[in-house]
Protein backbone atom coordinates (compact mmCIF):
# COMPACT_ATOMS: atom_id res chain seq x y z
CA MET A 1 -3.30 -4.38 -14.34
CA LYS A 2 -1.88 -7.03 -12.11
CA ILE A 3 1.22 -5.97 -10.26
CA PHE A 4 1.64 -8.65 -7.63
CA ARG A 5 4.95 -9.82 -9.01
CA SER A 6 6.31 -6.29 -9.32
CA LEU A 7 5.66 -5.67 -5.63
CA LEU A 8 8.50 -7.86 -4.48
CA VAL A 9 11.12 -5.99 -2.57
CA GLY A 10 14.69 -6.78 -3.56
CA ALA A 11 15.48 -8.52 -0.30
CA THR A 12 17.87 -11.43 -0.64
CA ALA A 13 16.93 -13.23 2.56
CA ALA A 14 13.91 -12.30 4.67
CA GLN A 15 14.74 -12.81 8.32
CA ALA A 16 12.24 -13.22 11.12
CA VAL A 17 13.45 -9.96 12.67
CA THR A 18 12.23 -7.92 9.68
CA THR A 19 8.62 -6.83 9.21
CA TYR A 20 7.07 -5.95 5.84
CA SER A 21 3.83 -4.10 5.16
CA SER A 22 1.39 -3.38 2.36
CA LYS A 23 -1.87 -1.42 2.28
CA VAL A 24 -4.82 -1.77 -0.10
CA LEU A 25 -8.32 -0.33 -0.39
CA LEU A 26 -10.66 -3.31 -0.75
CA ASP A 27 -14.19 -3.14 -2.15
CA THR A 28 -16.01 -5.91 -0.28
CA LYS A 29 -18.79 -6.35 -2.86
CA THR A 30 -16.66 -6.70 -5.99
CA SER A 31 -13.34 -7.84 -4.42
CA ALA A 32 -11.66 -5.04 -6.38
CA CYS A 33 -8.45 -3.79 -4.79
CA GLN A 34 -6.57 -0.54 -5.16
CA LEU A 35 -2.95 -0.64 -4.06
CA ILE A 36 -2.10 2.22 -1.70
CA ASP A 37 1.34 1.17 -0.39
CA ALA A 38 3.44 -1.48 -2.12
CA VAL A 39 5.29 -4.09 -0.08
CA HIS A 40 8.00 -2.34 1.89
CA GLU A 41 10.02 -2.83 5.04
CA THR A 42 8.37 -1.28 8.07
CA GLN A 43 8.58 -0.96 11.83
CA LEU A 44 8.95 -4.23 13.75
CA HIS A 45 5.75 -5.81 15.06
CA ARG A 46 5.77 -8.08 18.08
CA GLY A 47 3.23 -10.43 16.48
CA ILE A 48 5.63 -11.30 13.63
CA LYS A 49 8.03 -13.98 14.82
CA THR A 50 8.72 -16.04 11.68
CA THR A 51 8.83 -15.27 7.97
CA ALA A 52 5.47 -17.05 7.49
CA ASP A 53 3.55 -14.95 10.05
CA VAL A 54 0.92 -12.57 8.67
CA ILE A 55 -1.36 -10.08 10.43
CA GLN A 56 -4.31 -8.46 8.63
CA ILE A 57 -5.73 -5.20 9.99
CA GLU A 58 -9.10 -4.16 8.51
CA THR A 59 -10.63 -0.72 9.01
CA LEU A 60 -13.86 0.52 7.45
CA ARG A 61 -13.45 3.54 5.19
CA GLN A 62 -14.83 6.55 7.06
CA ASN A 63 -14.22 9.56 4.83
CA HIS A 64 -16.72 11.13 2.43
CA GLU A 65 -17.09 10.15 -1.20
CA THR A 66 -14.73 11.79 -3.65
CA LYS A 67 -15.63 12.91 -7.16
CA ASP A 68 -14.02 9.73 -8.53
CA ASP A 69 -16.19 7.58 -6.23
CA ILE A 70 -19.35 9.35 -7.37
CA LEU A 71 -18.43 8.99 -11.06
CA ALA A 72 -17.53 5.32 -10.62
CA GLY A 73 -20.77 4.65 -8.74
CA SER A 74 -18.98 2.97 -5.86
CA ASN A 75 -20.38 2.95 -2.34
CA VAL A 76 -17.92 4.12 0.32
CA SER A 77 -19.59 1.97 2.99
CA ASP A 78 -18.56 -1.15 1.03
CA GLN A 79 -14.86 -0.26 1.14
CA THR A 80 -12.33 -1.25 3.79
CA TRP A 81 -8.68 -0.42 4.34
CA LEU A 82 -6.61 -3.58 4.57
CA GLU A 83 -3.12 -3.36 6.01
CA ILE A 84 -1.10 -6.56 5.80
CA LEU A 85 1.94 -7.08 8.01
CA GLY A 86 4.19 -10.07 7.46
CA GLY A 87 7.59 -11.56 8.07
CA SER A 88 8.42 -11.77 4.35
CA PRO A 89 7.25 -10.18 1.08
CA GLU A 90 6.16 -13.62 -0.18
CA ALA A 91 3.80 -14.07 2.80
CA ILE A 92 2.18 -10.70 2.10
CA LEU A 93 1.85 -11.43 -1.63
CA SER A 94 0.11 -14.75 -0.92
CA VAL A 95 -2.46 -12.96 1.24
CA LEU A 96 -2.91 -10.29 -1.45
CA GLN A 97 -3.56 -12.97 -4.06
CA LYS A 98 -6.25 -14.56 -1.86
CA ARG A 99 -7.94 -11.27 -0.92
CA CYS A 100 -7.67 -9.72 -4.41
CA PRO A 101 -8.28 -12.51 -6.95
CA GLN A 102 -8.61 -9.97 -9.80
CA GLY A 103 -5.31 -8.31 -8.94
CA ALA A 104 -4.64 -4.92 -7.39
CA LEU A 105 -4.79 -1.73 -9.39
CA GLN A 106 -2.09 0.75 -8.57
CA SER A 107 -3.41 4.03 -7.20
CA ASN A 108 -2.92 7.23 -9.16
CA GLN A 109 0.07 8.65 -7.39
CA LEU A 110 1.78 11.87 -8.31
CA GLU A 111 5.32 11.45 -9.49
CA ALA A 112 7.92 13.26 -7.45
CA VAL A 113 9.58 15.99 -9.43
CA ALA A 114 13.11 16.95 -8.47
CA ALA A 115 13.14 20.38 -6.86
CA THR A 116 15.26 23.00 -8.54
CA THR A 117 18.04 24.50 -6.50
CA PRO A 118 17.13 27.92 -5.14
CA VAL A 119 18.86 30.96 -6.59
CA ILE A 120 20.06 33.49 -4.06
CA ARG A 121 20.30 37.03 -5.37
CA LYS A 122 21.54 40.12 -3.69
CA ILE A 123 18.68 42.61 -3.74
CA VAL A 124 19.84 45.51 -1.57
CA ASP A 125 23.28 46.65 -0.47
CA SER A 126 23.35 47.64 3.15
């Protein structure tokens, strides 16, 4: 499922002083991408000076294969983490579209369930 368009952050005007980030797991053989972090505002980076600036940080995946990787038949050595930093969400989305021509699948994330308020009971009178 392609979710590039749904990644846009509701920012009205991206300024050069704001840095955005996204992280995907990229399979280098098949160009399949799994979205880890959607486009979001992040810590400022000194390499981002304009809204068109983009920095790509690639790191080889180093952890062991999971059960899902074994069932899917994917090779962990062919996968890289790709973190994209940019001055605007549009700049990051354009890089995502080039690096992931088939679109990015959203990772299976657990939904946050609202915690119930704790109940305090008096157990012993002292």
